[in-house]
Amino acid sequence: MATLTIRLPDAQRDRLAAMAARQGISLNKLMQELSVRALAEHDTEMRFRIRAARGDLRKGLKLLDKLDSS
């Protein structure tokens, strides 16, 4: 496991610590959970972009038109 040091304004760090406390977890655990969410969001976007690049625009628009008409 790696250690990562980040610099944050004191107010931001205090808000994150308060958020962690409200959830009953450590600040470290909160940062782990937030990073997992960020990576999952990034991976989802990348999969979408890859699929969109391989897709056929006309077929996609035709499918959307078909959905609109039902």
N, C-alpha and C. Protein backbone atom coordinates (compact mmCIF):
# COMPACT_ATOMS: atom_id res chain seq x y z
N MET A 1 0.85 -1.17 0.00
CA MET A 1 0.00 0.00 0.00
C MET A 1 0.90 1.23 0.00
N ALA A 2 0.49 2.23 -0.75
CA ALA A 2 1.27 3.46 -0.88
C ALA A 2 0.72 4.55 0.04
N THR A 3 1.56 5.51 0.32
CA THR A 3 1.16 6.69 1.08
C THR A 3 1.15 7.87 0.13
N LEU A 4 0.10 8.67 0.20
CA LEU A 4 -0.05 9.83 -0.66
C LEU A 4 -0.24 11.05 0.22
N THR A 5 0.56 12.06 0.00
CA THR A 5 0.43 13.31 0.75
C THR A 5 -0.18 14.34 -0.18
N ILE A 6 -1.26 14.98 0.28
CA ILE A 6 -1.88 16.04 -0.51
C ILE A 6 -1.96 17.30 0.34
N ARG A 7 -1.93 18.42 -0.32
CA ARG A 7 -2.07 19.70 0.37
C ARG A 7 -3.46 20.26 0.09
N LEU A 8 -4.15 20.59 1.17
CA LEU A 8 -5.49 21.16 1.08
C LEU A 8 -5.56 22.39 1.96
N PRO A 9 -6.41 23.33 1.60
CA PRO A 9 -6.65 24.43 2.52
C PRO A 9 -7.21 23.88 3.84
N ASP A 10 -6.88 24.52 4.94
CA ASP A 10 -7.32 24.04 6.26
C ASP A 10 -8.83 23.87 6.31
N ALA A 11 -9.57 24.83 5.76
CA ALA A 11 -11.03 24.76 5.82
C ALA A 11 -11.55 23.53 5.08
N GLN A 12 -10.95 23.21 3.96
CA GLN A 12 -11.38 22.04 3.20
C GLN A 12 -11.07 20.76 3.97
N ARG A 13 -9.89 20.70 4.55
CA ARG A 13 -9.52 19.54 5.36
C ARG A 13 -10.47 19.38 6.54
N ASP A 14 -10.84 20.48 7.17
CA ASP A 14 -11.74 20.43 8.31
C ASP A 14 -13.12 19.92 7.89
N ARG A 15 -13.59 20.36 6.75
CA ARG A 15 -14.89 19.89 6.25
C ARG A 15 -14.86 18.40 5.93
N LEU A 16 -13.77 17.94 5.33
CA LEU A 16 -13.64 16.51 5.03
C LEU A 16 -13.57 15.69 6.32
N ALA A 17 -12.85 16.20 7.31
CA ALA A 17 -12.76 15.50 8.60
C ALA A 17 -14.14 15.43 9.26
N ALA A 18 -14.91 16.52 9.17
CA ALA A 18 -16.25 16.52 9.74
C ALA A 18 -17.15 15.53 9.00
N MET A 19 -17.02 15.46 7.69
CA MET A 19 -17.79 14.51 6.89
C MET A 19 -17.47 13.08 7.32
N ALA A 20 -16.18 12.80 7.48
CA ALA A 20 -15.75 11.47 7.91
C ALA A 20 -16.32 11.15 9.30
N ALA A 21 -16.25 12.11 10.19
CA ALA A 21 -16.75 11.90 11.55
C ALA A 21 -18.25 11.60 11.54
N ARG A 22 -19.01 12.33 10.72
CA ARG A 22 -20.45 12.08 10.63
C ARG A 22 -20.74 10.67 10.12
N GLN A 23 -19.85 10.15 9.29
CA GLN A 23 -20.03 8.80 8.75
C GLN A 23 -19.43 7.74 9.66
N GLY A 24 -18.74 8.19 10.71
CA GLY A 24 -18.14 7.25 11.65
C GLY A 24 -16.92 6.53 11.10
N ILE A 25 -16.21 7.20 10.19
CA ILE A 25 -15.00 6.61 9.60
C ILE A 25 -13.85 7.59 9.72
N SER A 26 -12.66 7.09 9.49
CA SER A 26 -11.48 7.96 9.54
C SER A 26 -11.40 8.81 8.28
N LEU A 27 -10.64 9.88 8.37
CA LEU A 27 -10.41 10.72 7.20
C LEU A 27 -9.72 9.92 6.10
N ASN A 28 -8.82 9.04 6.48
CA ASN A 28 -8.14 8.19 5.51
C ASN A 28 -9.15 7.31 4.78
N LYS A 29 -10.06 6.68 5.52
CA LYS A 29 -11.07 5.82 4.90
C LYS A 29 -11.98 6.64 3.98
N LEU A 30 -12.35 7.83 4.39
CA LEU A 30 -13.18 8.69 3.54
C LEU A 30 -12.46 8.98 2.23
N MET A 31 -11.19 9.31 2.29
CA MET A 31 -10.44 9.61 1.07
C MET A 31 -10.34 8.38 0.17
N GLN A 32 -10.19 7.20 0.77
CA GLN A 32 -10.18 5.97 -0.02
C GLN A 32 -11.52 5.79 -0.74
N GLU A 33 -12.63 5.99 -0.02
CA GLU A 33 -13.95 5.83 -0.62
C GLU A 33 -14.19 6.86 -1.72
N LEU A 34 -13.79 8.10 -1.50
CA LEU A 34 -13.96 9.13 -2.53
C LEU A 34 -13.13 8.82 -3.77
N SER A 35 -11.93 8.30 -3.56
CA SER A 35 -11.09 7.97 -4.73
C SER A 35 -11.67 6.80 -5.51
N VAL A 36 -12.27 5.83 -4.81
CA VAL A 36 -12.92 4.71 -5.50
C VAL A 36 -14.07 5.22 -6.35
N ARG A 37 -14.86 6.13 -5.80
CA ARG A 37 -15.98 6.71 -6.57
C ARG A 37 -15.47 7.46 -7.80
N ALA A 38 -14.42 8.25 -7.61
CA ALA A 38 -13.88 9.03 -8.73
C ALA A 38 -13.35 8.11 -9.82
N LEU A 39 -12.66 7.04 -9.43
CA LEU A 39 -12.13 6.10 -10.43
C LEU A 39 -13.25 5.36 -11.14
N ALA A 40 -14.30 4.97 -10.41
CA ALA A 40 -15.43 4.28 -11.04
C ALA A 40 -16.12 5.20 -12.04
N GLU A 41 -16.28 6.47 -11.67
CA GLU A 41 -16.89 7.43 -12.60
C GLU A 41 -16.03 7.60 -13.85
N HIS A 42 -14.73 7.70 -13.65
CA HIS A 42 -13.81 7.85 -14.78
C HIS A 42 -13.87 6.62 -15.69
N ASP A 43 -13.84 5.42 -15.09
CA ASP A 43 -13.88 4.20 -15.88
C ASP A 43 -15.18 4.10 -16.67
N THR A 44 -16.30 4.48 -16.06
CA THR A 44 -17.59 4.45 -16.74
C THR A 44 -17.58 5.39 -17.94
N GLU A 45 -17.06 6.59 -17.73
CA GLU A 45 -17.00 7.55 -18.83
C GLU A 45 -16.11 7.04 -19.96
N MET A 46 -14.97 6.46 -19.61
CA MET A 46 -14.06 5.96 -20.64
C MET A 46 -14.70 4.82 -21.43
N ARG A 47 -15.41 3.89 -20.74
CA ARG A 47 -16.09 2.81 -21.46
C ARG A 47 -17.14 3.38 -22.41
N PHE A 48 -17.88 4.38 -21.93
CA PHE A 48 -18.89 5.02 -22.78
C PHE A 48 -18.25 5.65 -24.01
N ARG A 49 -17.15 6.38 -23.81
CA ARG A 49 -16.48 7.05 -24.93
C ARG A 49 -15.95 6.04 -25.95
N ILE A 50 -15.40 4.94 -25.47
CA ILE A 50 -14.88 3.90 -26.37
C ILE A 50 -16.03 3.30 -27.18
N ARG A 51 -17.13 2.99 -26.50
CA ARG A 51 -18.28 2.44 -27.22
C ARG A 51 -18.86 3.45 -28.20
N ALA A 52 -18.94 4.71 -27.79
CA ALA A 52 -19.48 5.74 -28.66
C ALA A 52 -18.62 5.90 -29.91
N ALA A 53 -17.30 5.80 -29.74
CA ALA A 53 -16.40 5.96 -30.88
C ALA A 53 -16.56 4.81 -31.88
N ARG A 54 -16.94 3.63 -31.38
CA ARG A 54 -17.12 2.48 -32.26
C ARG A 54 -18.51 2.41 -32.86
N GLY A 55 -19.42 3.18 -32.30
CA GLY A 55 -20.82 3.10 -32.71
C GLY A 55 -21.10 3.80 -34.03
N ASP A 56 -22.29 3.56 -34.50
CA ASP A 56 -22.77 4.17 -35.74
C ASP A 56 -23.77 5.25 -35.37
N LEU A 57 -23.46 6.50 -35.66
CA LEU A 57 -24.31 7.63 -35.29
C LEU A 57 -25.72 7.48 -35.85
N ARG A 58 -25.81 7.12 -37.11
CA ARG A 58 -27.14 7.00 -37.73
C ARG A 58 -27.98 5.92 -37.06
N LYS A 59 -27.36 4.78 -36.75
CA LYS A 59 -28.09 3.72 -36.07
C LYS A 59 -28.55 4.18 -34.69
N GLY A 60 -27.69 4.90 -34.01
CA GLY A 60 -28.03 5.40 -32.67
C GLY A 60 -29.19 6.38 -32.71
N LEU A 61 -29.14 7.31 -33.66
CA LEU A 61 -30.23 8.28 -33.78
C LEU A 61 -31.54 7.60 -34.19
N LYS A 62 -31.44 6.61 -35.06
CA LYS A 62 -32.62 5.86 -35.48
C LYS A 62 -33.24 5.13 -34.28
N LEU A 63 -32.39 4.57 -33.45
CA LEU A 63 -32.88 3.87 -32.25
C LEU A 63 -33.56 4.85 -31.29
N LEU A 64 -32.97 6.02 -31.13
CA LEU A 64 -33.58 7.02 -30.26
C LEU A 64 -34.94 7.48 -30.81
N ASP A 65 -35.03 7.66 -32.13
CA ASP A 65 -36.30 8.01 -32.75
C ASP A 65 -37.35 6.93 -32.51
N LYS A 66 -36.90 5.68 -32.59
CA LYS A 66 -37.81 4.57 -32.35
C LYS A 66 -38.32 4.58 -30.90
N LEU A 67 -37.44 4.89 -29.98
CA LEU A 67 -37.83 4.97 -28.58
C LEU A 67 -38.81 6.12 -28.34
N ASP A 68 -38.56 7.25 -29.01
CA ASP A 68 -39.44 8.40 -28.87
C ASP A 68 -40.85 8.12 -29.37
N SER A 69 -40.95 7.31 -30.42
CA SER A 69 -42.26 7.04 -31.03
C SER A 69 -43.06 6.00 -30.26
N SER A 70 -42.44 5.29 -29.33
CA SER A 70 -43.21 4.26 -28.60
C SER A 70 -43.85 4.79 -27.35
